Amino acid sequence: MFERSVLGLDVGSHSLKAVELRVSPRSLMPGSFRIHPRIDPSTPLADQLRRFIQMHELPTDQVACALPASQLSTRRLEFPFSDARRLEKAIPFEIEAETPFELEDIIVDWNLLEGERNHGTVAATLVKREHVARALELFEEADCDPQVLEAEGLVLANLAPVFQLEGIHLIVDIGHEKTTFCALRHRRPVLARSIPVAGRAMTEAIAAETGLSFEEAEQRKCEMGVPGRDLEGHCPGLVSILDRIAREAIRTLEAAEPQYAGGEEASQPVLTLVGGSAHLDRIDEYLTRKTGLETTRIRMPADAPHADLVEGIDPILFAPALALALRLSGESVTRMNFRQGEFAFRQDFRAFFGRELRPTVALSAVLVVLLLATAVTTIVVQHRRAGRAREAAARLYAQAFPDAATLPEDPVAALGRALRTARERADFLGLYEGNRSALDLLAELSKAIPPELAIRVTEINIDRNVIRLDLEAEGYEAADRLTAVLSQTPPFEGARVAGSIKTDRRTGGVSFNVSIPLASGGEEA
C-alpha cells in the first residue's frame, strides 16, 4: 500500500535514459532501466520523450529531471548563522548583490555544506526563470510533468551514499556532447560545472584526422579506445580533448578547494568516471597519468546495502538517471528543486485513482461498507436487547405492584425507586426477618417466655440477623427450659445459650446469654 514508483529521467543529447525505483518506508528496490537512442535529429525532442515513455510504460506520477549545467551558476556563500529559515531569506539577496540579474528574473536554491551554531556555508545555485519555463513546456508537450527539476551535475551527489563514495571525490560525467564535473566532500556537493567537449568531439577529431565518416570514426574510437603512452602522437585531436578534460578536472578541484577542509584530505581526491564515453578503453589510465589522481569507473561495492539496485545493468551508463531517481527516495543527498513560485508542482489528485491505486480504493470501500454494516447491526441488536429488558422489567413491576393502575414508561427506573423507598422505610422502622419490626420481635419474645419462669432480662440487643439476651435466673434449669421453649416458637427456633453460665456467689443465682439467629428462621418462613 505504501510503495510508490519514482522515475529518474536523463534527457541526453545522444540517448534518453530512465531509471525506475520502487520506494517504500523500509526498502528501496530496483524497477526498470530503459535507454533509447536519439537517432533522428529531425524529430522534436518532446515527441521522442512521449514515445519513449509510452513505449516502455514508464510511471510518470513522480518524475525527477535536471536542468543543464550550462544554464546554472553556483556560488559559495558564508553566513554567521546556519538556521534554515534565516538562510532562506538571506541567500537571494546575497545572490542579487553578486550577479547582474534581478531577483524576479531568477530562481535560487541551495545546499547546506557546513552548519554550525555561528557559521553556515552553502552552495547556492541560480537559474533564469525563462529556462525553467522552457523546460516545463518541453515536458508538458511530452505528457510528463516532473515533480522535481534538479541541477545537473550537483544531483550526481545522490550516488555517493549508494556507491559509498567517501572523502573527496570528483565525479566526471563524460557524455556525448559535454563533460560535467561534480565535486563532493563527505558525500555533499560543493561545486558543479560542465564543458562542451565529450564523446562527440572525440569522434569528430578522429574523423577530421583520418578522413573517415562520422559513423566509421565512432566505430574506430570504440574499438581503439584511448591511445597508449607510445601512440599519443598518432591522434593529436583525441589527445587534446582528453588533456582538456584532465585540465578541467584539476581546475574544478582547485575552485572547490576553499570549500574543503584542507591538509591531507584536500590533497587526496579521487576521480570517479560515469557516462557513456567513460567506457573508452584505458581512459581511466590516461586521466590518472595526466592528473596524478586515482581515477576509477564507478562501481558498486559487493557489500553495499543497495548492491541489488545495479544488478544486471551498467551503472556507468545509467548513473545520471539513477542519481535523479534517488533524488525522490530516502537516500537523497540534494534537496534542490527549481520548481518554485508559479512553477511549483501541483499534484493532480485524479492520478490517485489510477490503475495502481484502484485495488486499494476498492478494498478501502469494502472496509467502509463492512464497518457501517457492523455498526448498524450492533445498534439493532442492542435496541432489541433493551426492548426485551424493558418488557421483563414491566412484568416484574406488574407482579410486585399488582394494584398499580398503569405501568411506568421506564419500569427499571421505577423498580429502582421502589427498592430504595423500601430500604429507607426498613431503616427507619427497623424491619427484620419476616418483615417484623423490633417492637414485633419484643412482643413475640414476651409471649414466648412462660410467666412462671423466674428470669430477669437485663439487656436486649437486636440487629439484622441475631437477637442477644442477657438473663439472670435462680438456677441452671431456667436456662435449659428457656431455650427449649424458644426453640418451639417461630422465629426463635435457633435459640441457644451463648457462652458459659456464671454463678453469682452473693445471691446464689446464675447469669447467662441467649443468642437467637433470625436468618434461619426467616429463610424457613
Protein backbone atom coordinates (compact mmCIF):
# COMPACT_ATOMS: atom_id res chain seq x y z
CA MET A 1 0.00 0.00 0.00
CA PHE A 2 2.84 2.40 0.86
CA GLU A 3 5.11 1.51 -2.06
CA ARG A 4 5.50 4.08 -4.80
CA SER A 5 7.34 4.18 -8.10
CA VAL A 6 9.75 7.05 -8.80
CA LEU A 7 11.39 7.79 -12.12
CA GLY A 8 14.70 9.47 -12.90
CA LEU A 9 14.65 10.80 -16.49
CA ASP A 10 18.01 11.69 -18.06
CA VAL A 11 17.47 13.66 -21.28
CA GLY A 12 20.82 13.33 -23.00
CA SER A 13 21.90 14.63 -26.39
CA HIS A 14 22.67 11.10 -27.62
CA SER A 15 20.06 8.99 -25.83
CA LEU A 16 17.16 9.05 -23.40
CA LYS A 17 17.67 7.08 -20.20
CA ALA A 18 15.19 6.27 -17.45
CA VAL A 19 15.60 4.52 -14.10
CA GLU A 20 12.56 3.40 -12.14
CA LEU A 21 12.86 2.64 -8.41
CA ARG A 22 10.21 1.22 -6.09
CA VAL A 23 10.38 3.11 -2.82
CA SER A 24 8.69 2.28 0.48
CA PRO A 25 9.36 3.47 4.05
CA ARG A 26 11.66 0.49 4.69
CA SER A 27 13.01 -0.56 1.32
CA LEU A 28 14.48 0.64 -1.95
CA MET A 29 14.05 -1.80 -4.82
CA PRO A 30 15.08 -1.56 -8.48
CA GLY A 31 12.45 -1.29 -11.16
CA SER A 32 13.02 -0.93 -14.88
CA PHE A 33 16.11 0.56 -16.56
CA ARG A 34 15.44 1.85 -20.06
CA ILE A 35 17.55 3.53 -22.75
CA HIS A 36 16.57 4.76 -26.21
CA PRO A 37 18.97 6.43 -28.70
CA ARG A 38 18.05 9.74 -30.30
CA ILE A 39 18.70 8.62 -33.88
CA ASP A 40 16.52 11.03 -35.83
CA PRO A 41 17.59 14.63 -35.08
CA SER A 42 14.67 15.99 -37.11
CA THR A 43 12.08 14.57 -34.68
CA PRO A 44 11.19 17.08 -31.93
CA LEU A 45 12.53 16.15 -28.51
CA ALA A 46 9.03 16.29 -26.98
CA ASP A 47 7.80 13.65 -29.44
CA GLN A 48 10.79 11.43 -28.70
CA LEU A 49 10.17 11.74 -24.98
CA ARG A 50 6.48 10.92 -25.33
CA ARG A 51 7.22 7.88 -27.49
CA PHE A 52 9.93 6.73 -25.09
CA ILE A 53 7.60 6.91 -22.07
CA GLN A 54 4.70 5.24 -23.84
CA MET A 55 6.85 2.50 -25.39
CA HIS A 56 8.22 1.36 -22.03
CA GLU A 57 5.08 2.21 -19.99
CA LEU A 58 7.10 4.31 -17.56
CA PRO A 59 5.39 5.71 -14.44
CA THR A 60 5.01 9.48 -14.53
CA ASP A 61 3.41 10.20 -11.15
CA GLN A 62 6.75 11.14 -9.56
CA VAL A 63 9.48 12.13 -12.00
CA ALA A 64 12.79 13.91 -11.42
CA CYS A 65 14.65 15.69 -14.22
CA ALA A 66 17.59 18.10 -14.30
CA LEU A 67 18.33 21.44 -15.90
CA PRO A 68 21.57 21.55 -17.96
CA ALA A 69 24.62 22.69 -16.03
CA SER A 70 25.30 25.28 -18.75
CA GLN A 71 22.14 27.15 -17.63
CA LEU A 72 23.15 27.17 -13.96
CA SER A 73 25.54 29.22 -11.87
CA THR A 74 26.75 28.14 -8.43
CA ARG A 75 28.07 30.43 -5.71
CA ARG A 76 29.66 29.60 -2.37
CA LEU A 77 28.25 31.82 0.37
CA GLU A 78 29.08 32.09 4.06
CA PHE A 79 26.82 33.42 6.81
CA PRO A 80 27.24 33.97 10.57
CA PHE A 81 24.31 31.64 11.19
CA SER A 82 23.07 28.28 9.93
CA ASP A 83 19.35 28.40 10.67
CA ALA A 84 17.48 27.22 7.56
CA ARG A 85 14.76 29.88 7.80
CA ARG A 86 17.23 32.72 8.05
CA LEU A 87 19.31 31.30 5.21
CA GLU A 88 16.20 31.02 3.04
CA LYS A 89 15.65 34.76 3.39
CA ALA A 90 19.27 35.89 3.18
CA ILE A 91 20.58 33.85 0.22
CA PRO A 92 18.54 35.54 -2.57
CA PHE A 93 19.77 39.00 -1.53
CA GLU A 94 23.39 37.82 -1.44
CA ILE A 95 22.98 36.31 -4.92
CA GLU A 96 21.41 39.53 -6.24
CA ALA A 97 24.37 41.52 -4.97
CA GLU A 98 26.86 39.26 -6.79
CA THR A 99 25.03 38.85 -10.13
CA PRO A 100 23.70 41.26 -12.76
CA PHE A 101 20.20 39.75 -12.57
CA GLU A 102 17.13 40.97 -10.75
CA LEU A 103 15.54 38.69 -8.17
CA GLU A 104 12.28 38.47 -10.12
CA ASP A 105 14.21 37.12 -13.15
CA ILE A 106 15.95 34.21 -11.40
CA ILE A 107 15.21 31.23 -9.18
CA VAL A 108 17.66 30.39 -6.39
CA ASP A 109 18.05 27.16 -4.45
CA TRP A 110 20.84 25.92 -2.22
CA ASN A 111 22.50 23.05 -0.38
CA LEU A 112 23.97 23.42 3.10
CA LEU A 113 27.65 22.42 3.11
CA GLU A 114 28.59 23.14 6.70
CA GLY A 115 26.35 24.20 9.53
CA GLU A 116 27.48 25.29 12.98
CA ARG A 117 25.84 27.47 15.57
CA ASN A 118 27.57 30.70 14.47
CA HIS A 119 28.61 29.77 10.94
CA GLY A 120 26.97 28.37 7.84
CA THR A 121 28.37 27.61 4.39
CA VAL A 122 26.02 26.99 1.47
CA ALA A 123 26.34 26.25 -2.24
CA ALA A 124 23.68 28.42 -3.87
CA THR A 125 22.64 27.76 -7.47
CA LEU A 126 20.63 30.13 -9.64
CA VAL A 127 18.85 29.77 -12.96
CA LYS A 128 16.84 32.14 -15.11
CA ARG A 129 13.11 31.76 -14.92
CA GLU A 130 12.87 31.61 -18.70
CA HIS A 131 15.00 28.43 -18.72
CA VAL A 132 12.69 26.79 -16.17
CA ALA A 133 9.63 27.81 -18.18
CA ARG A 134 11.14 26.44 -21.39
CA ALA A 135 11.99 23.10 -19.75
CA LEU A 136 8.49 22.72 -18.31
CA GLU A 137 6.94 23.47 -21.71
CA LEU A 138 9.04 20.68 -23.21
CA PHE A 139 7.89 18.14 -20.61
CA GLU A 140 4.29 19.30 -20.87
CA GLU A 141 4.35 18.62 -24.60
CA ALA A 142 5.71 15.15 -23.81
CA ASP A 143 2.80 14.50 -21.38
CA CYS A 144 5.23 14.31 -18.47
CA ASP A 145 5.04 16.69 -15.52
CA PRO A 146 8.22 16.31 -13.42
CA GLN A 147 7.82 16.81 -9.70
CA VAL A 148 11.45 17.90 -9.28
CA LEU A 149 13.74 19.96 -11.51
CA GLU A 150 17.24 19.42 -10.13
CA ALA A 151 20.62 20.88 -11.05
CA GLU A 152 22.59 18.77 -13.49
CA GLY A 153 25.96 17.90 -12.01
CA LEU A 154 25.04 18.60 -8.40
CA VAL A 155 22.41 15.86 -8.48
CA LEU A 156 25.22 13.32 -9.05
CA ALA A 157 25.95 13.64 -5.32
CA ASN A 158 22.99 11.30 -4.70
CA LEU A 159 25.23 8.48 -5.93
CA ALA A 160 27.61 8.94 -3.01
CA PRO A 161 25.69 7.13 -0.22
CA VAL A 162 24.61 4.28 -2.51
CA PHE A 163 28.06 3.68 -4.03
CA GLN A 164 29.83 4.55 -0.75
CA LEU A 165 31.93 7.42 -2.13
CA GLU A 166 33.71 8.68 0.98
CA GLY A 167 36.06 11.63 1.41
CA ILE A 168 36.85 13.90 -1.55
CA HIS A 169 35.53 12.77 -4.92
CA LEU A 170 35.21 14.40 -8.31
CA ILE A 171 32.51 12.69 -10.33
CA VAL A 172 33.25 13.16 -14.04
CA ASP A 173 30.26 12.53 -16.30
CA ILE A 174 31.69 12.15 -19.82
CA GLY A 175 28.66 12.17 -22.08
CA HIS A 176 28.11 12.72 -25.79
CA GLU A 177 28.33 16.49 -26.17
CA LYS A 178 29.53 17.69 -22.76
CA THR A 179 31.50 16.64 -19.71
CA THR A 180 30.07 17.50 -16.32
CA PHE A 181 32.04 17.70 -13.08
CA CYS A 182 30.64 17.39 -9.55
CA ALA A 183 32.98 17.92 -6.58
CA LEU A 184 31.97 16.10 -3.38
CA ARG A 185 33.14 16.47 0.17
CA HIS A 186 31.86 13.83 2.57
CA ARG A 187 29.01 13.00 0.20
CA ARG A 188 27.91 16.64 -0.09
CA PRO A 189 28.06 18.55 -3.41
CA VAL A 190 30.21 21.67 -3.25
CA LEU A 191 30.63 22.61 -6.92
CA ALA A 192 29.41 21.56 -10.37
CA ARG A 193 30.30 22.75 -13.87
CA SER A 194 30.43 21.45 -17.41
CA ILE A 195 32.47 21.90 -20.58
CA PRO A 196 31.17 21.40 -24.15
CA VAL A 197 33.54 18.59 -25.11
CA ALA A 198 32.99 14.85 -24.70
CA GLY A 199 32.49 11.75 -26.84
CA ARG A 200 31.16 13.55 -29.94
CA ALA A 201 34.17 15.87 -30.05
CA MET A 202 36.47 12.84 -29.85
CA THR A 203 34.71 11.20 -32.80
CA GLU A 204 34.84 14.39 -34.87
CA ALA A 205 38.56 14.74 -34.15
CA ILE A 206 39.22 11.19 -35.34
CA ALA A 207 37.10 11.75 -38.47
CA ALA A 208 38.94 15.00 -39.31
CA GLU A 209 42.37 13.40 -38.97
CA THR A 210 41.61 10.10 -40.73
CA GLY A 211 39.10 11.18 -43.38
CA LEU A 212 36.59 8.60 -42.15
CA SER A 213 32.87 9.23 -41.95
CA PHE A 214 31.39 10.08 -38.57
CA GLU A 215 29.96 6.57 -38.13
CA GLU A 216 33.28 4.94 -39.09
CA ALA A 217 35.19 7.26 -36.77
CA GLU A 218 32.78 6.40 -33.95
CA GLN A 219 33.38 2.70 -34.53
CA ARG A 220 37.16 3.16 -34.60
CA LYS A 221 37.02 5.18 -31.37
CA CYS A 222 35.07 2.44 -29.61
CA GLU A 223 37.41 -0.27 -30.89
CA MET A 224 40.68 1.62 -30.43
CA GLY A 225 39.93 3.33 -27.13
CA VAL A 226 42.34 5.87 -25.71
CA PRO A 227 45.87 5.89 -27.23
CA GLY A 228 48.59 4.47 -25.08
CA ARG A 229 51.71 6.27 -23.91
CA ASP A 230 53.61 5.43 -27.12
CA LEU A 231 50.76 6.23 -29.53
CA GLU A 232 49.72 9.70 -28.41
CA GLY A 233 51.18 11.31 -31.48
CA HIS A 234 49.02 9.24 -33.84
CA CYS A 235 45.77 11.07 -32.85
CA PRO A 236 46.59 14.54 -31.56
CA GLY A 237 42.97 15.74 -31.75
CA LEU A 238 41.71 13.00 -29.44
CA VAL A 239 44.64 13.52 -27.10
CA SER A 240 43.93 17.26 -27.00
CA ILE A 241 40.33 16.62 -25.90
CA LEU A 242 41.41 14.18 -23.22
CA ASP A 243 44.02 16.64 -22.00
CA ARG A 244 41.36 19.34 -21.74
CA ILE A 245 39.13 17.07 -19.66
CA ALA A 246 42.08 16.37 -17.37
CA ARG A 247 42.90 20.09 -17.04
CA GLU A 248 39.27 21.00 -16.29
CA ALA A 249 39.11 18.28 -13.66
CA ILE A 250 42.11 19.81 -11.88
CA ARG A 251 40.62 23.33 -12.24
CA THR A 252 37.32 22.16 -10.75
CA LEU A 253 39.13 20.70 -7.76
CA GLU A 254 41.14 23.89 -7.34
CA ALA A 255 37.97 26.00 -7.50
CA ALA A 256 36.36 23.81 -4.88
CA GLU A 257 39.47 23.68 -2.68
CA PRO A 258 38.40 26.58 -0.39
CA GLN A 259 35.32 24.54 0.44
CA TYR A 260 37.37 21.53 1.50
CA ALA A 261 38.90 21.10 4.89
CA GLY A 262 42.43 21.49 3.57
CA GLY A 263 45.51 19.50 4.51
CA GLU A 264 45.89 15.87 3.58
CA GLU A 265 42.18 15.44 2.96
CA ALA A 266 42.18 18.00 0.13
CA SER A 267 45.30 16.53 -1.47
CA GLN A 268 43.83 13.06 -1.93
CA PRO A 269 40.74 13.39 -4.17
CA VAL A 270 39.54 10.54 -6.37
CA LEU A 271 38.19 10.88 -9.92
CA THR A 272 35.10 8.74 -10.46
CA LEU A 273 34.01 8.33 -14.09
CA VAL A 274 30.41 7.93 -15.28
CA GLY A 275 28.67 8.45 -18.61
CA GLY A 276 28.72 6.63 -21.93
CA SER A 277 32.16 7.86 -23.01
CA ALA A 278 33.68 6.66 -19.74
CA HIS A 279 33.59 3.17 -21.30
CA LEU A 280 36.50 4.05 -23.64
CA ASP A 281 39.32 1.60 -23.12
CA ARG A 282 42.20 2.90 -20.96
CA ILE A 283 40.57 6.33 -20.39
CA ASP A 284 40.94 5.87 -16.63
CA GLU A 285 44.65 5.09 -17.04
CA TYR A 286 45.15 8.15 -19.24
CA LEU A 287 43.43 10.53 -16.78
CA THR A 288 45.39 9.05 -13.89
CA ARG A 289 48.63 9.71 -15.77
CA LYS A 290 47.64 13.26 -16.70
CA THR A 291 46.16 14.37 -13.39
CA GLY A 292 48.22 12.33 -10.96
CA LEU A 293 44.98 11.37 -9.20
CA GLU A 294 43.45 7.98 -8.71
CA THR A 295 40.82 7.50 -11.43
CA THR A 296 38.22 4.73 -11.45
CA ARG A 297 34.94 4.00 -13.15
CA ILE A 298 32.06 4.00 -10.75
CA ARG A 299 31.30 0.57 -9.33
CA MET A 300 29.06 -0.82 -6.62
CA PRO A 301 30.85 -2.44 -3.65
CA ALA A 302 29.79 -6.03 -3.19
CA ASP A 303 28.89 -5.43 0.47
CA ALA A 304 26.90 -2.23 -0.15
CA PRO A 305 23.37 -2.21 1.36
CA HIS A 306 21.82 -1.38 -2.03
CA ALA A 307 24.00 -3.54 -4.24
CA ASP A 308 20.88 -5.01 -5.87
CA LEU A 309 20.00 -1.63 -7.42
CA VAL A 310 22.51 -2.06 -10.25
CA GLU A 311 22.44 -5.83 -10.52
CA GLY A 312 22.34 -6.78 -14.18
CA ILE A 313 22.68 -3.20 -15.55
CA ASP A 314 25.53 -0.85 -16.43
CA PRO A 315 25.93 1.64 -13.57
CA ILE A 316 28.37 3.76 -15.58
CA LEU A 317 25.79 4.40 -18.29
CA PHE A 318 22.75 4.82 -16.03
CA ALA A 319 24.49 6.76 -13.22
CA PRO A 320 22.92 10.21 -14.02
CA ALA A 321 19.41 8.76 -14.34
CA LEU A 322 19.90 6.72 -11.16
CA ALA A 323 21.00 9.87 -9.31
CA LEU A 324 17.77 11.58 -10.40
CA ALA A 325 15.65 8.64 -9.25
CA LEU A 326 17.43 8.63 -5.89
CA ARG A 327 16.51 12.31 -5.52
CA LEU A 328 12.90 11.15 -4.88
CA SER A 329 13.90 8.47 -2.35
CA GLY A 330 15.02 8.44 1.25
CA GLU A 331 18.66 8.13 0.13
CA SER A 332 18.73 11.62 -1.37
CA VAL A 333 21.59 13.99 -0.55
CA THR A 334 20.49 17.01 -2.59
CA ARG A 335 17.29 18.91 -1.88
CA MET A 336 17.22 21.47 -4.67
CA ASN A 337 14.14 21.96 -6.80
CA PHE A 338 13.75 24.84 -9.24
CA ARG A 339 10.01 24.32 -9.45
CA GLN A 340 9.18 27.28 -7.24
CA GLY A 341 6.61 30.04 -7.20
CA GLU A 342 4.44 29.98 -10.28
CA PHE A 343 6.36 26.90 -11.50
CA ALA A 344 5.66 24.86 -8.35
CA PHE A 345 4.47 21.31 -8.89
CA ARG A 346 0.74 20.85 -8.33
CA GLN A 347 -0.47 17.34 -7.69
CA ASP A 348 -3.27 16.08 -9.90
CA PHE A 349 -5.42 14.18 -7.42
CA ARG A 350 -7.07 12.29 -10.23
CA ALA A 351 -3.84 10.36 -10.54
CA PHE A 352 -4.51 8.78 -7.16
CA PHE A 353 -7.38 6.89 -8.76
CA GLY A 354 -5.22 5.46 -11.50
CA ARG A 355 -4.72 1.85 -12.29
CA GLU A 356 -2.24 1.15 -9.48
CA LEU A 357 -4.43 2.65 -6.73
CA ARG A 358 -7.78 1.24 -7.81
CA PRO A 359 -7.40 -2.07 -5.88
CA THR A 360 -6.53 -0.13 -2.74
CA VAL A 361 -9.52 2.18 -3.19
CA ALA A 362 -11.80 -0.81 -3.79
CA LEU A 363 -10.55 -2.57 -0.64
CA SER A 364 -10.99 0.64 1.35
CA ALA A 365 -14.57 0.99 0.10
CA VAL A 366 -15.34 -2.62 1.06
CA LEU A 367 -13.86 -1.99 4.52
CA VAL A 368 -16.01 1.13 4.99
CA VAL A 369 -19.14 -0.78 3.96
CA LEU A 370 -18.31 -3.59 6.40
CA LEU A 371 -17.73 -1.09 9.21
CA LEU A 372 -21.06 0.60 8.51
CA ALA A 373 -22.87 -2.76 8.38
CA THR A 374 -21.26 -3.79 11.68
CA ALA A 375 -22.27 -0.52 13.33
CA VAL A 376 -25.89 -0.79 12.11
CA THR A 377 -26.13 -4.45 13.18
CA THR A 378 -24.77 -3.62 16.63
CA ILE A 379 -27.27 -0.81 17.08
CA VAL A 380 -30.21 -3.02 16.03
CA VAL A 381 -29.13 -5.89 18.33
CA GLN A 382 -28.65 -3.59 21.30
CA HIS A 383 -32.03 -1.95 20.65
CA ARG A 384 -33.75 -5.35 20.64
CA ARG A 385 -31.97 -6.39 23.83
CA ALA A 386 -33.03 -3.16 25.51
CA GLY A 387 -36.64 -3.77 24.39
CA ARG A 388 -36.65 -7.28 25.85
CA ALA A 389 -35.15 -5.96 29.10
CA ARG A 390 -37.89 -3.32 29.37
CA GLU A 391 -40.59 -5.95 28.79
CA ALA A 392 -39.13 -8.20 31.52
CA ALA A 393 -38.90 -5.24 33.90
CA ALA A 394 -42.54 -4.36 33.14
CA ARG A 395 -43.64 -7.89 34.04
CA LEU A 396 -41.67 -7.77 37.31
CA TYR A 397 -43.20 -4.41 38.14
CA ALA A 398 -46.69 -5.72 37.49
CA GLN A 399 -46.03 -8.70 39.77
CA ALA A 400 -44.54 -6.54 42.51
CA PHE A 401 -47.25 -3.89 42.31
CA PRO A 402 -50.46 -5.60 41.12
CA ASP A 403 -52.59 -2.71 42.31
CA ALA A 404 -50.82 -0.16 40.09
CA ALA A 405 -53.24 1.46 37.66
CA THR A 406 -50.72 1.96 34.85
CA LEU A 407 -47.22 0.79 34.08
CA PRO A 408 -44.48 3.43 34.17
CA GLU A 409 -42.63 4.35 30.97
CA ASP A 410 -39.33 3.16 32.49
CA PRO A 411 -40.07 0.04 34.59
CA VAL A 412 -36.39 -0.44 35.50
CA ALA A 413 -36.10 3.05 36.98
CA ALA A 414 -39.48 2.62 38.76
CA LEU A 415 -38.34 -0.66 40.33
CA GLY A 416 -35.13 1.01 41.47
CA ARG A 417 -37.07 3.85 43.08
CA ALA A 418 -39.42 1.38 44.82
CA LEU A 419 -36.46 -0.61 46.14
CA ARG A 420 -34.77 2.50 47.50
CA THR A 421 -38.05 3.54 49.18
CA ALA A 422 -38.41 0.11 50.79
CA ARG A 423 -34.86 0.21 52.11
CA GLU A 424 -35.32 3.68 53.54
CA ARG A 425 -38.55 2.57 55.24
CA ALA A 426 -36.82 -0.53 56.64
CA ASP A 427 -34.02 1.55 58.01
CA PHE A 428 -36.49 3.96 59.59
CA LEU A 429 -38.84 1.32 61.10
CA GLY A 430 -36.19 -1.27 61.93
CA LEU A 431 -37.59 -4.12 59.88
CA TYR A 432 -36.02 -7.58 60.27
CA GLU A 433 -36.59 -11.11 59.05
CA GLY A 434 -40.18 -11.91 58.22
CA ASN A 435 -40.96 -8.21 57.77
CA ARG A 436 -41.09 -7.78 61.58
CA SER A 437 -40.16 -4.64 63.42
CA ALA A 438 -38.15 -4.55 66.63
CA LEU A 439 -41.37 -3.98 68.60
CA ASP A 440 -42.96 -7.02 66.95
CA LEU A 441 -39.99 -9.17 67.96
CA LEU A 442 -40.11 -7.91 71.53
CA ALA A 443 -43.84 -8.63 71.74
CA GLU A 444 -43.44 -12.16 70.39
CA LEU A 445 -40.48 -12.78 72.65
CA SER A 446 -42.52 -11.63 75.65
CA LYS A 447 -45.35 -14.00 74.76
CA ALA A 448 -42.96 -16.91 74.20
CA ILE A 449 -41.34 -16.70 77.66
CA PRO A 450 -43.58 -18.51 80.22
CA PRO A 451 -44.73 -16.24 83.09
CA GLU A 452 -43.85 -18.85 85.70
CA LEU A 453 -40.24 -18.92 84.53
CA ALA A 454 -38.36 -16.80 87.03
CA ILE A 455 -35.91 -14.96 84.86
CA ARG A 456 -34.96 -11.34 84.53
CA VAL A 457 -33.82 -9.75 81.25
CA THR A 458 -31.00 -7.32 81.91
CA GLU A 459 -30.20 -6.38 78.29
CA ILE A 460 -31.58 -6.96 74.78
CA ASN A 461 -29.58 -6.38 71.56
CA ILE A 462 -31.39 -6.80 68.22
CA ASP A 463 -29.64 -6.48 64.83
CA ARG A 464 -30.45 -7.72 61.32
CA ASN A 465 -29.61 -11.35 61.95
CA VAL A 466 -29.34 -12.07 65.69
CA ILE A 467 -31.15 -11.31 68.97
CA ARG A 468 -28.86 -11.35 72.02
CA LEU A 469 -30.37 -11.60 75.53
CA ASP A 470 -28.52 -11.09 78.83
CA LEU A 471 -30.51 -13.00 81.51
CA GLU A 472 -30.46 -13.71 85.24
CA ALA A 473 -32.21 -16.69 86.88
CA GLU A 474 -32.33 -18.65 90.10
CA GLY A 475 -30.79 -21.85 88.71
CA TYR A 476 -29.35 -23.72 85.78
CA GLU A 477 -32.65 -25.35 84.84
CA ALA A 478 -34.08 -21.95 83.89
CA ALA A 479 -31.59 -21.64 81.01
CA ASP A 480 -32.43 -25.11 79.68
CA ARG A 481 -36.17 -24.51 79.95
CA LEU A 482 -35.94 -21.11 78.26
CA THR A 483 -34.02 -22.39 75.25
CA ALA A 484 -36.36 -25.36 74.94
CA VAL A 485 -39.45 -23.11 74.95
CA LEU A 486 -37.98 -20.62 72.48
CA SER A 487 -36.83 -23.41 70.11
CA GLN A 488 -40.51 -24.36 69.65
CA THR A 489 -41.66 -20.78 68.88
CA PRO A 490 -41.05 -19.19 65.49
CA PRO A 491 -38.99 -17.22 64.65
CA PHE A 492 -36.81 -18.18 67.64
CA GLU A 493 -36.15 -21.83 66.66
CA GLY A 494 -32.39 -21.38 66.71
CA ALA A 495 -32.19 -20.10 70.29
CA ARG A 496 -29.18 -21.38 72.25
CA VAL A 497 -27.12 -20.45 75.23
CA ALA A 498 -24.07 -18.47 74.13
CA GLY A 499 -21.01 -18.85 76.29
CA SER A 500 -20.91 -20.25 79.77
CA ILE A 501 -23.36 -19.90 82.62
CA LYS A 502 -21.97 -17.88 85.50
CA THR A 503 -22.90 -18.25 89.20
CA ASP A 504 -23.41 -15.22 91.43
CA ARG A 505 -21.84 -16.15 94.81
CA ARG A 506 -23.56 -13.29 96.62
CA THR A 507 -27.15 -14.17 95.64
CA GLY A 508 -26.66 -17.80 94.60
CA GLY A 509 -28.32 -17.19 91.20
CA VAL A 510 -26.93 -17.60 87.67
CA SER A 511 -26.45 -15.30 84.66
CA PHE A 512 -26.20 -16.38 81.05
CA ASN A 513 -26.58 -15.18 77.45
CA VAL A 514 -29.02 -16.47 74.83
CA SER A 515 -28.37 -16.00 71.09
CA ILE A 516 -31.33 -16.24 68.70
CA PRO A 517 -30.40 -16.21 64.96
CA LEU A 518 -33.07 -14.64 62.76
CA ALA A 519 -31.66 -15.68 59.35
CA SER A 520 -32.54 -19.34 59.63
CA GLY A 521 -35.95 -18.59 60.90
CA GLY A 522 -36.61 -16.10 58.15
CA GLU A 523 -35.47 -18.50 55.48
CA GLU A 524 -37.74 -21.27 56.79
CA ALA A 525 -40.64 -18.86 56.94
